[in-house]
Amino acid sequence: MAGVFFSYSHADEALRDQLEKQLSMLKRQGVIDTWHDRRIGAGQEIAQAIDEQINRDDIILLLVSADFLASDYCYDIEVKRAMERHETGEAIVIPVILRACDWHHAPFGKLNAVPRDGRPITQWADIDEAFLKVAKAVREAAARLNKAMLSQATAMGAPNTFQPAPRAAEGPRSSNLRLAKSFTQRDKDRFLAEAFEFMARFFENSLAELADRNPGIEGAFRRVDANRFFVTVYRDGKDIAKATIYMGGDSFGGGINYVQGHTTASNTINESLSIAADDQTIYLTAMGMMHYGVQKERKISHEGAAKLYWENLIRPLQEGL
């Protein structure tokens, strides 16, 4: 069984918990066991416990974000030791890019990061799919470790039925340790504002790229106020697609709303995204008025929301309507 060590910032604890959920099948199969600093018992010396574990585990996951890079303990102590063990072949270090940040120049920047191409977890339309790709990378790393131990044992004359010895038990404990998280209205309001700002940047950049790639096409982005922006697509000077995206409006739950055309009113929508939360994270859900295939219970990230509304704008152009 391979030991997996989580190196992370406590600001990313909710994302770490989601990743650990995706690793549940690997743990049930006895492929891996996981450890992070929340496993440190009362009365234990924190630094000593972390040091012992990072020197023992076979796979070290670096959960990378701006908070992770800003943490002196994560960067100067855990990353340093992890890379030392990686360089000597004692452990496999896997950078997991949680949130967008300048990680390529870090000591682990030369390593192949996950999810695919180091695209941040929070920028995936389906966060569960992103974490699944991380889980598959961990499974593959554990298989490599097992194969290496088998080859080593065979070279030393051991029988081919060699199996790695189980990790030393740290004492019996339950695996049912997850507690429900609670989110304040402030947490939800902050998440909504961040999603709206991400969407505004996404539309402004996408309109510019659309114009660059398509002769005769121009895009216009206009910020009306802190909670509303207009977008327009022109073909040969004629406006062929217009939309308003605004945040708030008591009639629709105060989410992020999409309206065809330009309007300063807040009493009409063609689609709406609302804030929701489970016992671990905050996310967006779609009303489904313009996307009948979108399940209302689907958990939508910032990028997933932006892509959903961009499709509303661009679909008529692509279908020639």
C-alpha atoms as a PDB file:
ATOM      1  CA  MET A   1       0.000   0.000   0.000  1.00  0.00           C
ATOM      2  CA  ALA A   2       1.409   3.374  -1.030  1.00  0.00           C
ATOM      3  CA  GLY A   3       1.292   6.248   1.430  1.00  0.00           C
ATOM      4  CA  VAL A   4      -0.011   9.558   0.036  1.00  0.00           C
ATOM      5  CA  PHE A   5       0.963  12.829   1.730  1.00  0.00           C
ATOM      6  CA  PHE A   6      -1.057  16.012   1.177  1.00  0.00           C
ATOM      7  CA  SER A   7       0.981  19.224   1.209  1.00  0.00           C
ATOM      8  CA  TYR A   8      -1.509  22.098   1.109  1.00  0.00           C
ATOM      9  CA  SER A   9      -2.545  25.472   2.467  1.00  0.00           C
ATOM     10  CA  HIS A  10      -5.420  25.478   4.937  1.00  0.00           C
ATOM     11  CA  ALA A  11      -7.109  28.033   2.679  1.00  0.00           C
ATOM     12  CA  ASP A  12      -7.626  25.118   0.266  1.00  0.00           C
ATOM     13  CA  GLU A  13      -8.964  22.644   2.812  1.00  0.00           C
ATOM     14  CA  ALA A  14     -12.356  22.336   1.101  1.00  0.00           C
ATOM     15  CA  LEU A  15     -10.670  21.416  -2.209  1.00  0.00           C
ATOM     16  CA  ARG A  16      -8.417  18.943  -0.400  1.00  0.00           C
ATOM     17  CA  ASP A  17     -11.501  17.270   1.048  1.00  0.00           C
ATOM     18  CA  GLN A  18     -13.043  16.955  -2.411  1.00  0.00           C
ATOM     19  CA  LEU A  19      -9.877  15.347  -3.733  1.00  0.00           C
ATOM     20  CA  GLU A  20      -9.816  12.894  -0.842  1.00  0.00           C
ATOM     21  CA  LYS A  21     -13.357  11.854  -1.758  1.00  0.00           C
ATOM     22  CA  GLN A  22     -12.176  10.987  -5.286  1.00  0.00           C
ATOM     23  CA  LEU A  23      -9.402   8.851  -3.791  1.00  0.00           C
ATOM     24  CA  SER A  24     -11.894   6.798  -1.752  1.00  0.00           C
ATOM     25  CA  MET A  25     -11.948   3.855  -4.162  1.00  0.00           C
ATOM     26  CA  LEU A  26      -8.154   3.625  -4.097  1.00  0.00           C
ATOM     27  CA  LYS A  27      -8.287   3.517  -0.302  1.00  0.00           C
ATOM     28  CA  ARG A  28     -11.054   0.897  -0.275  1.00  0.00           C
ATOM     29  CA  GLN A  29      -8.993  -1.288  -2.617  1.00  0.00           C
ATOM     30  CA  GLY A  30      -5.950  -1.010  -0.370  1.00  0.00           C
ATOM     31  CA  VAL A  31      -3.936   0.715  -3.098  1.00  0.00           C
ATOM     32  CA  ILE A  32      -3.164   3.819  -1.022  1.00  0.00           C
ATOM     33  CA  ASP A  33      -3.536   5.347   2.401  1.00  0.00           C
ATOM     34  CA  THR A  34      -3.677   9.124   2.823  1.00  0.00           C
ATOM     35  CA  TRP A  35      -2.338  11.529   5.419  1.00  0.00           C
ATOM     36  CA  HIS A  36      -2.536  15.262   6.068  1.00  0.00           C
ATOM     37  CA  ASP A  37      -1.960  17.447   9.078  1.00  0.00           C
ATOM     38  CA  ARG A  38      -5.561  17.160  10.287  1.00  0.00           C
ATOM     39  CA  ARG A  39      -4.619  13.614  11.304  1.00  0.00           C
ATOM     40  CA  ILE A  40      -2.205  14.900  13.950  1.00  0.00           C
ATOM     41  CA  GLY A  41      -3.448  13.861  17.357  1.00  0.00           C
ATOM     42  CA  ALA A  42      -3.820  16.028  20.427  1.00  0.00           C
ATOM     43  CA  GLY A  43      -0.516  16.481  22.211  1.00  0.00           C
ATOM     44  CA  GLN A  44       1.618  15.544  19.188  1.00  0.00           C
ATOM     45  CA  GLU A  45       4.300  17.952  18.030  1.00  0.00           C
ATOM     46  CA  ILE A  46       2.998  19.281  14.725  1.00  0.00           C
ATOM     47  CA  ALA A  47       6.315  19.887  12.953  1.00  0.00           C
ATOM     48  CA  GLN A  48       7.689  16.530  14.054  1.00  0.00           C
ATOM     49  CA  ALA A  49       4.579  14.648  12.921  1.00  0.00           C
ATOM     50  CA  ILE A  50       4.659  16.309   9.491  1.00  0.00           C
ATOM     51  CA  ASP A  51       8.393  15.691   9.133  1.00  0.00           C
ATOM     52  CA  GLU A  52       8.027  11.999   9.962  1.00  0.00           C
ATOM     53  CA  GLN A  53       5.179  11.535   7.525  1.00  0.00           C
ATOM     54  CA  ILE A  54       6.669  13.409   4.574  1.00  0.00           C
ATOM     55  CA  ASN A  55       9.808  11.290   4.973  1.00  0.00           C
ATOM     56  CA  ARG A  56       7.751   8.090   5.056  1.00  0.00           C
ATOM     57  CA  ASP A  57       5.076   8.400   2.378  1.00  0.00           C
ATOM     58  CA  ASP A  58       5.623   7.231  -1.195  1.00  0.00           C
ATOM     59  CA  ILE A  59       3.527   9.784  -3.099  1.00  0.00           C
ATOM     60  CA  ILE A  60       3.497  13.486  -2.213  1.00  0.00           C
ATOM     61  CA  LEU A  61       0.696  15.617  -3.598  1.00  0.00           C
ATOM     62  CA  LEU A  62       1.464  19.340  -3.743  1.00  0.00           C
ATOM     63  CA  LEU A  63      -1.921  21.090  -3.785  1.00  0.00           C
ATOM     64  CA  VAL A  64      -0.855  24.271  -5.530  1.00  0.00           C
ATOM     65  CA  SER A  65      -2.519  27.673  -5.269  1.00  0.00           C
ATOM     66  CA  ALA A  66      -1.431  31.235  -4.581  1.00  0.00           C
ATOM     67  CA  ASP A  67      -1.954  30.550  -0.866  1.00  0.00           C
ATOM     68  CA  PHE A  68       0.244  27.455  -1.108  1.00  0.00           C
ATOM     69  CA  LEU A  69       3.044  29.418  -2.794  1.00  0.00           C
ATOM     70  CA  ALA A  70       2.699  32.197  -0.217  1.00  0.00           C
ATOM     71  CA  SER A  71       3.004  29.790   2.716  1.00  0.00           C
ATOM     72  CA  ASP A  72       6.572  29.775   4.042  1.00  0.00           C
ATOM     73  CA  TYR A  73       6.031  26.384   5.663  1.00  0.00           C
ATOM     74  CA  CYS A  74       4.593  24.741   2.543  1.00  0.00           C
ATOM     75  CA  TYR A  75       7.155  26.263   0.163  1.00  0.00           C
ATOM     76  CA  ASP A  76      10.346  26.374   2.212  1.00  0.00           C
ATOM     77  CA  ILE A  77       9.942  23.166   4.200  1.00  0.00           C
ATOM     78  CA  GLU A  78       7.478  20.739   2.617  1.00  0.00           C
ATOM     79  CA  VAL A  79       8.254  21.487  -1.041  1.00  0.00           C
ATOM     80  CA  LYS A  80      11.991  21.411  -0.374  1.00  0.00           C
ATOM     81  CA  ARG A  81      11.864  18.026   1.339  1.00  0.00           C
ATOM     82  CA  ALA A  82       9.434  16.612  -1.223  1.00  0.00           C
ATOM     83  CA  MET A  83      11.700  17.552  -4.137  1.00  0.00           C
ATOM     84  CA  GLU A  84      14.744  16.130  -2.353  1.00  0.00           C
ATOM     85  CA  ARG A  85      12.992  12.772  -2.037  1.00  0.00           C
ATOM     86  CA  HIS A  86      11.729  12.979  -5.614  1.00  0.00           C
ATOM     87  CA  GLU A  87      15.226  13.631  -6.968  1.00  0.00           C
ATOM     88  CA  THR A  88      16.636  10.586  -5.157  1.00  0.00           C
ATOM     89  CA  GLY A  89      13.766   8.375  -6.293  1.00  0.00           C
ATOM     90  CA  GLU A  90      12.445   7.849  -2.766  1.00  0.00           C
ATOM     91  CA  ALA A  91       9.043   9.329  -3.567  1.00  0.00           C
ATOM     92  CA  ILE A  92       6.901  10.520  -6.449  1.00  0.00           C
ATOM     93  CA  VAL A  93       5.893  14.188  -6.294  1.00  0.00           C
ATOM     94  CA  ILE A  94       2.721  15.187  -8.163  1.00  0.00           C
ATOM     95  CA  PRO A  95       1.786  18.875  -8.395  1.00  0.00           C
ATOM     96  CA  VAL A  96      -2.008  19.259  -8.321  1.00  0.00           C
ATOM     97  CA  ILE A  97      -2.941  22.740  -9.552  1.00  0.00           C
ATOM     98  CA  LEU A  98      -5.980  23.809  -7.559  1.00  0.00           C
ATOM     99  CA  ARG A  99      -6.222  27.493  -8.480  1.00  0.00           C
ATOM    100  CA  ALA A 100      -4.547  29.722 -11.048  1.00  0.00           C
ATOM    101  CA  CYS A 101      -1.147  30.953  -9.868  1.00  0.00           C
ATOM    102  CA  ASP A 102       2.440  31.474 -11.056  1.00  0.00           C
ATOM    103  CA  TRP A 103       3.694  27.947 -10.297  1.00  0.00           C
ATOM    104  CA  HIS A 104       5.818  27.197 -13.374  1.00  0.00           C
ATOM    105  CA  HIS A 105       8.925  28.833 -11.856  1.00  0.00           C
ATOM    106  CA  ALA A 106       8.697  26.878  -8.592  1.00  0.00           C
ATOM    107  CA  PRO A 107      11.099  23.948  -7.958  1.00  0.00           C
ATOM    108  CA  PHE A 108       8.318  21.542  -8.992  1.00  0.00           C
ATOM    109  CA  GLY A 109       7.559  23.531 -12.167  1.00  0.00           C
ATOM    110  CA  LYS A 110       9.505  21.023 -14.258  1.00  0.00           C
ATOM    111  CA  LEU A 111       7.191  18.172 -13.231  1.00  0.00           C
ATOM    112  CA  ASN A 112       4.132  17.072 -15.172  1.00  0.00           C
ATOM    113  CA  ALA A 113       1.243  18.569 -13.216  1.00  0.00           C
ATOM    114  CA  VAL A 114      -2.358  17.435 -12.990  1.00  0.00           C
ATOM    115  CA  PRO A 115      -5.116  17.817 -14.082  1.00  0.00           C
ATOM    116  CA  ARG A 116      -4.211  17.671 -17.769  1.00  0.00           C
ATOM    117  CA  ASP A 117      -1.720  20.372 -18.835  1.00  0.00           C
ATOM    118  CA  GLY A 118      -1.743  21.848 -15.322  1.00  0.00           C
ATOM    119  CA  ARG A 119      -5.117  23.479 -15.890  1.00  0.00           C
ATOM    120  CA  PRO A 120      -6.373  24.644 -12.481  1.00  0.00           C
ATOM    121  CA  ILE A 121      -9.085  22.525 -10.881  1.00  0.00           C
ATOM    122  CA  THR A 122     -11.343  25.546 -10.324  1.00  0.00           C
ATOM    123  CA  GLN A 123     -11.309  26.403 -14.031  1.00  0.00           C
ATOM    124  CA  TRP A 124     -12.856  23.096 -15.104  1.00  0.00           C
ATOM    125  CA  ALA A 125     -16.532  23.180 -16.040  1.00  0.00           C
ATOM    126  CA  ASP A 126     -16.982  19.941 -14.071  1.00  0.00           C
ATOM    127  CA  ILE A 127     -14.809  19.950 -10.951  1.00  0.00           C
ATOM    128  CA  ASP A 128     -15.543  16.263 -10.272  1.00  0.00           C
ATOM    129  CA  GLU A 129     -14.037  15.370 -13.659  1.00  0.00           C
ATOM    130  CA  ALA A 130     -10.898  17.338 -12.812  1.00  0.00           C
ATOM    131  CA  PHE A 131     -10.477  15.551  -9.479  1.00  0.00           C
ATOM    132  CA  LEU A 132     -11.087  12.213 -11.203  1.00  0.00           C
ATOM    133  CA  LYS A 133      -8.108  12.884 -13.453  1.00  0.00           C
ATOM    134  CA  VAL A 134      -5.995  13.508 -10.355  1.00  0.00           C
ATOM    135  CA  ALA A 135      -7.208  10.234  -8.822  1.00  0.00           C
ATOM    136  CA  LYS A 136      -6.253   8.373 -12.002  1.00  0.00           C
ATOM    137  CA  ALA A 137      -2.770   9.931 -11.863  1.00  0.00           C
ATOM    138  CA  VAL A 138      -2.384   8.769  -8.261  1.00  0.00           C
ATOM    139  CA  ARG A 139      -3.493   5.250  -9.219  1.00  0.00           C
ATOM    140  CA  GLU A 140      -0.940   5.187 -12.039  1.00  0.00           C
ATOM    141  CA  ALA A 141       1.825   6.422  -9.714  1.00  0.00           C
ATOM    142  CA  ALA A 142       0.962   3.734  -7.152  1.00  0.00           C
ATOM    143  CA  ALA A 143       1.122   1.105  -9.917  1.00  0.00           C
ATOM    144  CA  ARG A 144       4.590   2.353 -10.918  1.00  0.00           C
ATOM    145  CA  LEU A 145       5.756   2.072  -7.330  1.00  0.00           C
ATOM    146  CA  ASN A 146       4.409  -1.448  -7.046  1.00  0.00           C
ATOM    147  CA  LYS A 147       6.068  -2.453 -10.319  1.00  0.00           C
ATOM    148  CA  ALA A 148       9.392  -0.974  -9.186  1.00  0.00           C
ATOM    149  CA  MET A 149       9.270  -2.908  -5.909  1.00  0.00           C
ATOM    150  CA  LEU A 150       8.386  -6.096  -7.776  1.00  0.00           C
ATOM    151  CA  SER A 151      11.299  -5.623 -10.195  1.00  0.00           C
ATOM    152  CA  GLN A 152      13.668  -4.947  -7.311  1.00  0.00           C
ATOM    153  CA  ALA A 153      12.534  -8.043  -5.476  1.00  0.00           C
ATOM    154  CA  THR A 154      12.868 -10.192  -8.619  1.00  0.00           C
ATOM    155  CA  ALA A 155      16.405  -8.902  -9.199  1.00  0.00           C
ATOM    156  CA  MET A 156      17.285  -9.904  -5.650  1.00  0.00           C
ATOM    157  CA  GLY A 157      15.962 -13.419  -6.188  1.00  0.00           C
ATOM    158  CA  ALA A 158      12.651 -13.071  -4.401  1.00  0.00           C
ATOM    159  CA  PRO A 159       9.632 -15.002  -5.780  1.00  0.00           C
ATOM    160  CA  ASN A 160       7.377 -13.297  -8.303  1.00  0.00           C
ATOM    161  CA  THR A 161       4.531 -13.394  -5.810  1.00  0.00           C
ATOM    162  CA  PHE A 162       6.171 -10.515  -3.949  1.00  0.00           C
ATOM    163  CA  GLN A 163       3.747  -8.001  -2.512  1.00  0.00           C
ATOM    164  CA  PRO A 164       4.802  -4.777  -0.792  1.00  0.00           C
ATOM    165  CA  ALA A 165       4.595  -4.959   2.961  1.00  0.00           C
ATOM    166  CA  PRO A 166       1.693  -3.076   4.511  1.00  0.00           C
ATOM    167  CA  ARG A 167       2.494   0.226   6.148  1.00  0.00           C
ATOM    168  CA  ALA A 168       2.993   0.174   9.859  1.00  0.00           C
ATOM    169  CA  ALA A 169      -0.292   0.734  11.628  1.00  0.00           C
ATOM    170  CA  GLU A 170      -0.617   3.942  13.567  1.00  0.00           C
ATOM    171  CA  GLY A 171      -3.360   2.530  15.743  1.00  0.00           C
ATOM    172  CA  PRO A 172      -6.951   1.644  14.916  1.00  0.00           C
ATOM    173  CA  ARG A 173      -9.222   4.462  13.886  1.00  0.00           C
ATOM    174  CA  SER A 174     -12.397   5.018  11.912  1.00  0.00           C
ATOM    175  CA  SER A 175     -12.274   6.177   8.296  1.00  0.00           C
ATOM    176  CA  ASN A 176     -15.563   7.994   8.869  1.00  0.00           C
ATOM    177  CA  LEU A 177     -14.070  11.324   9.964  1.00  0.00           C
ATOM    178  CA  ARG A 178     -15.633  13.803   7.584  1.00  0.00           C
ATOM    179  CA  LEU A 179     -17.679  16.539   9.182  1.00  0.00           C
ATOM    180  CA  ALA A 180     -20.129  18.745   7.358  1.00  0.00           C
ATOM    181  CA  LYS A 181     -18.958  22.278   6.660  1.00  0.00           C
ATOM    182  CA  SER A 182     -21.214  25.286   7.025  1.00  0.00           C
ATOM    183  CA  PHE A 183     -21.035  28.351   4.804  1.00  0.00           C
ATOM    184  CA  THR A 184     -22.071  31.825   5.862  1.00  0.00           C
ATOM    185  CA  GLN A 185     -23.928  34.259   3.671  1.00  0.00           C
ATOM    186  CA  ARG A 186     -20.655  36.175   3.426  1.00  0.00           C
ATOM    187  CA  ASP A 187     -18.983  33.070   1.954  1.00  0.00           C
ATOM    188  CA  LYS A 188     -21.750  32.709  -0.609  1.00  0.00           C
ATOM    189  CA  ASP A 189     -21.765  36.397  -1.512  1.00  0.00           C
ATOM    190  CA  ARG A 190     -17.996  36.338  -2.018  1.00  0.00           C
ATOM    191  CA  PHE A 191     -18.229  33.241  -4.227  1.00  0.00           C
ATOM    192  CA  LEU A 192     -20.965  34.868  -6.344  1.00  0.00           C
ATOM    193  CA  ALA A 193     -18.981  38.095  -6.776  1.00  0.00           C
ATOM    194  CA  GLU A 194     -15.867  36.137  -7.787  1.00  0.00           C
ATOM    195  CA  ALA A 195     -17.905  34.137 -10.316  1.00  0.00           C
ATOM    196  CA  PHE A 196     -19.337  37.331 -11.834  1.00  0.00           C
ATOM    197  CA  GLU A 197     -15.908  38.968 -12.136  1.00  0.00           C
ATOM    198  CA  PHE A 198     -14.492  35.806 -13.725  1.00  0.00           C
ATOM    199  CA  MET A 199     -17.387  35.817 -16.206  1.00  0.00           C
ATOM    200  CA  ALA A 200     -16.791  39.465 -17.125  1.00  0.00           C
ATOM    201  CA  ARG A 201     -13.107  38.803 -17.871  1.00  0.00           C
ATOM    202  CA  PHE A 202     -14.013  35.626 -19.769  1.00  0.00           C
ATOM    203  CA  PHE A 203     -16.472  37.464 -22.045  1.00  0.00           C
ATOM    204  CA  GLU A 204     -14.165  40.417 -22.676  1.00  0.00           C
ATOM    205  CA  ASN A 205     -11.276  38.133 -23.661  1.00  0.00           C
ATOM    206  CA  SER A 206     -13.486  35.790 -25.690  1.00  0.00           C
ATOM    207  CA  LEU A 207     -14.976  38.652 -27.716  1.00  0.00           C
ATOM    208  CA  ALA A 208     -11.491  39.906 -28.567  1.00  0.00           C
ATOM    209  CA  GLU A 209     -10.351  36.419 -29.630  1.00  0.00           C
ATOM    210  CA  LEU A 210     -13.526  35.855 -31.649  1.00  0.00           C
ATOM    211  CA  ALA A 211     -12.805  39.016 -33.638  1.00  0.00           C
ATOM    212  CA  ASP A 212      -9.141  38.077 -34.169  1.00  0.00           C
ATOM    213  CA  ARG A 213     -10.067  34.674 -35.601  1.00  0.00           C
ATOM    214  CA  ASN A 214     -12.977  35.706 -37.803  1.00  0.00           C
ATOM    215  CA  PRO A 215     -12.673  38.424 -40.488  1.00  0.00           C
ATOM    216  CA  GLY A 216     -15.577  40.859 -40.482  1.00  0.00           C
ATOM    217  CA  ILE A 217     -16.460  40.091 -36.882  1.00  0.00           C
ATOM    218  CA  GLU A 218     -16.131  42.640 -34.086  1.00  0.00           C
ATOM    219  CA  GLY A 219     -16.921  42.272 -30.422  1.00  0.00           C
ATOM    220  CA  ALA A 220     -17.856  44.975 -27.944  1.00  0.00           C
ATOM    221  CA  PHE A 221     -17.778  44.643 -24.168  1.00  0.00           C
ATOM    222  CA  ARG A 222     -19.201  47.417 -22.005  1.00  0.00           C
ATOM    223  CA  ARG A 223     -19.244  47.411 -18.231  1.00  0.00           C
ATOM    224  CA  VAL A 224     -22.414  49.232 -17.145  1.00  0.00           C
ATOM    225  CA  ASP A 225     -21.706  49.076 -13.412  1.00  0.00           C
ATOM    226  CA  ALA A 226     -20.259  46.740 -10.792  1.00  0.00           C
ATOM    227  CA  ASN A 227     -23.111  44.265 -11.288  1.00  0.00           C
ATOM    228  CA  ARG A 228     -23.891  44.431 -15.015  1.00  0.00           C
ATOM    229  CA  PHE A 229     -22.208  44.319 -18.432  1.00  0.00           C
ATOM    230  CA  PHE A 230     -23.326  44.382 -22.070  1.00  0.00           C
ATOM    231  CA  VAL A 231     -21.820  42.282 -24.869  1.00  0.00           C
ATOM    232  CA  THR A 232     -22.362  42.728 -28.614  1.00  0.00           C
ATOM    233  CA  VAL A 233     -21.118  40.844 -31.657  1.00  0.00           C
ATOM    234  CA  TYR A 234     -21.067  42.666 -35.023  1.00  0.00           C
ATOM    235  CA  ARG A 235     -20.712  41.157 -38.494  1.00  0.00           C
ATOM    236  CA  ASP A 236     -19.670  43.716 -41.092  1.00  0.00           C
ATOM    237  CA  GLY A 237     -20.878  46.463 -38.789  1.00  0.00           C
ATOM    238  CA  LYS A 238     -24.308  44.953 -38.086  1.00  0.00           C
ATOM    239  CA  ASP A 239     -25.128  43.785 -34.572  1.00  0.00           C
ATOM    240  CA  ILE A 240     -26.007  40.091 -34.816  1.00  0.00           C
ATOM    241  CA  ALA A 241     -25.879  39.068 -31.137  1.00  0.00           C
ATOM    242  CA  LYS A 242     -26.458  41.114 -27.991  1.00  0.00           C
ATOM    243  CA  ALA A 243     -26.743  40.132 -24.344  1.00  0.00           C
ATOM    244  CA  THR A 244     -26.870  41.542 -20.845  1.00  0.00           C
ATOM    245  CA  ILE A 245     -25.384  39.706 -17.879  1.00  0.00           C
ATOM    246  CA  TYR A 246     -26.175  41.034 -14.444  1.00  0.00           C
ATOM    247  CA  MET A 247     -25.820  39.970 -10.836  1.00  0.00           C
ATOM    248  CA  GLY A 248     -28.667  40.335  -8.372  1.00  0.00           C
ATOM    249  CA  GLY A 249     -32.359  40.953  -8.857  1.00  0.00           C
ATOM    250  CA  ASP A 250     -34.653  39.844  -6.061  1.00  0.00           C
ATOM    251  CA  SER A 251     -37.103  38.176  -8.452  1.00  0.00           C
ATOM    252  CA  PHE A 252     -34.639  35.455  -9.393  1.00  0.00           C
ATOM    253  CA  GLY A 253     -32.827  34.666  -6.169  1.00  0.00           C
ATOM    254  CA  GLY A 254     -30.038  37.203  -6.585  1.00  0.00           C
ATOM    255  CA  GLY A 255     -27.815  35.012  -8.768  1.00  0.00           C
ATOM    256  CA  ILE A 256     -26.149  35.735 -12.124  1.00  0.00           C
ATOM    257  CA  ASN A 257     -28.677  36.283 -14.897  1.00  0.00           C
ATOM    258  CA  TYR A 258     -28.545  36.278 -18.707  1.00  0.00           C
ATOM    259  CA  VAL A 259     -30.839  38.369 -20.932  1.00  0.00           C
ATOM    260  CA  GLN A 260     -30.872  38.494 -24.726  1.00  0.00           C
ATOM    261  CA  GLY A 261     -30.388  42.082 -25.820  1.00  0.00           C
ATOM    262  CA  HIS A 262     -29.354  45.079 -23.751  1.00  0.00           C
ATOM    263  CA  THR A 263     -31.365  46.148 -20.748  1.00  0.00           C
ATOM    264  CA  THR A 264     -30.854  47.962 -17.458  1.00  0.00           C
ATOM    265  CA  ALA A 265     -33.924  46.297 -15.944  1.00  0.00           C
ATOM    266  CA  SER A 266     -33.568  43.510 -13.387  1.00  0.00           C
ATOM    267  CA  ASN A 267     -36.973  41.907 -13.780  1.00  0.00           C
ATOM    268  CA  THR A 268     -36.389  39.669 -16.797  1.00  0.00           C
ATOM    269  CA  ILE A 269     -34.105  36.740 -17.650  1.00  0.00           C
ATOM    270  CA  ASN A 270     -33.522  34.061 -20.276  1.00  0.00           C
ATOM    271  CA  GLU A 271     -31.307  31.995 -17.987  1.00  0.00           C
ATOM    272  CA  SER A 272     -30.229  32.206 -14.366  1.00  0.00           C
ATOM    273  CA  LEU A 273     -27.456  30.748 -12.216  1.00  0.00           C
ATOM    274  CA  SER A 274     -28.026  30.459  -8.486  1.00  0.00           C
ATOM    275  CA  ILE A 275     -25.734  29.845  -5.520  1.00  0.00           C
ATOM    276  CA  ALA A 276     -25.970  26.446  -3.837  1.00  0.00           C
ATOM    277  CA  ALA A 277     -23.871  24.513  -1.345  1.00  0.00           C
ATOM    278  CA  ASP A 278     -23.502  20.976  -0.064  1.00  0.00           C
ATOM    279  CA  ASP A 279     -21.699  19.881   3.081  1.00  0.00           C
ATOM    280  CA  GLN A 280     -18.286  20.516   1.510  1.00  0.00           C
ATOM    281  CA  THR A 281     -18.331  23.293  -1.081  1.00  0.00           C
ATOM    282  CA  ILE A 282     -20.173  26.195  -2.705  1.00  0.00           C
ATOM    283  CA  TYR A 283     -21.135  26.033  -6.375  1.00  0.00           C
ATOM    284  CA  LEU A 284     -23.586  27.359  -9.000  1.00  0.00           C
ATOM    285  CA  THR A 285     -26.640  25.654 -10.481  1.00  0.00           C
ATOM    286  CA  ALA A 286     -28.522  26.542 -13.678  1.00  0.00           C
ATOM    287  CA  MET A 287     -32.269  27.098 -13.883  1.00  0.00           C
ATOM    288  CA  GLY A 288     -32.144  25.345 -17.272  1.00  0.00           C
ATOM    289  CA  MET A 289     -34.373  27.742 -19.224  1.00  0.00           C
ATOM    290  CA  MET A 290     -32.066  27.861 -22.260  1.00  0.00           C
ATOM    291  CA  HIS A 291     -30.164  24.624 -21.635  1.00  0.00           C
ATOM    292  CA  TYR A 292     -32.630  21.804 -21.369  1.00  0.00           C
ATOM    293  CA  GLY A 293     -29.838  19.250 -21.181  1.00  0.00           C
ATOM    294  CA  VAL A 294     -28.286  20.889 -18.134  1.00  0.00           C
ATOM    295  CA  GLN A 295     -29.273  19.147 -14.926  1.00  0.00           C
ATOM    296  CA  LYS A 296     -30.363  21.564 -12.251  1.00  0.00           C
ATOM    297  CA  GLU A 297     -28.393  19.700  -9.587  1.00  0.00           C
ATOM    298  CA  ARG A 298     -25.158  19.877 -11.587  1.00  0.00           C
ATOM    299  CA  LYS A 299     -22.379  21.642  -9.695  1.00  0.00           C
ATOM    300  CA  ILE A 300     -21.044  24.418 -11.919  1.00  0.00           C
ATOM    301  CA  SER A 301     -17.712  26.190 -11.397  1.00  0.00           C
ATOM    302  CA  HIS A 302     -16.783  29.764 -12.336  1.00  0.00           C
ATOM    303  CA  GLU A 303     -15.508  28.693 -15.738  1.00  0.00           C
ATOM    304  CA  GLY A 304     -18.405  26.326 -16.295  1.00  0.00           C
ATOM    305  CA  ALA A 305     -20.824  29.212 -15.699  1.00  0.00           C
ATOM    306  CA  ALA A 306     -18.958  31.512 -18.076  1.00  0.00           C
ATOM    307  CA  LYS A 307     -18.915  28.849 -20.794  1.00  0.00           C
ATOM    308  CA  LEU A 308     -22.620  28.192 -20.341  1.00  0.00           C
ATOM    309  CA  TYR A 309     -23.500  31.846 -20.952  1.00  0.00           C
ATOM    310  CA  TRP A 310     -20.989  32.208 -23.776  1.00  0.00           C
ATOM    311  CA  GLU A 311     -22.763  29.331 -25.536  1.00  0.00           C
ATOM    312  CA  ASN A 312     -26.023  31.292 -25.228  1.00  0.00           C
ATOM    313  CA  LEU A 313     -24.420  34.187 -27.106  1.00  0.00           C
ATOM    314  CA  ILE A 314     -22.452  32.269 -29.719  1.00  0.00           C
ATOM    315  CA  ARG A 315     -24.863  29.441 -30.616  1.00  0.00           C
ATOM    316  CA  PRO A 316     -27.051  31.474 -33.035  1.00  0.00           C
ATOM    317  CA  LEU A 317     -23.914  32.646 -34.862  1.00  0.00           C
ATOM    318  CA  GLN A 318     -22.571  29.105 -35.166  1.00  0.00           C
ATOM    319  CA  GLU A 319     -25.928  27.751 -36.330  1.00  0.00           C
ATOM    320  CA  GLY A 320     -26.329  30.548 -38.866  1.00  0.00           C
ATOM    321  CA  LEU A 321     -29.531  31.856 -37.346  1.00  0.00           C
END
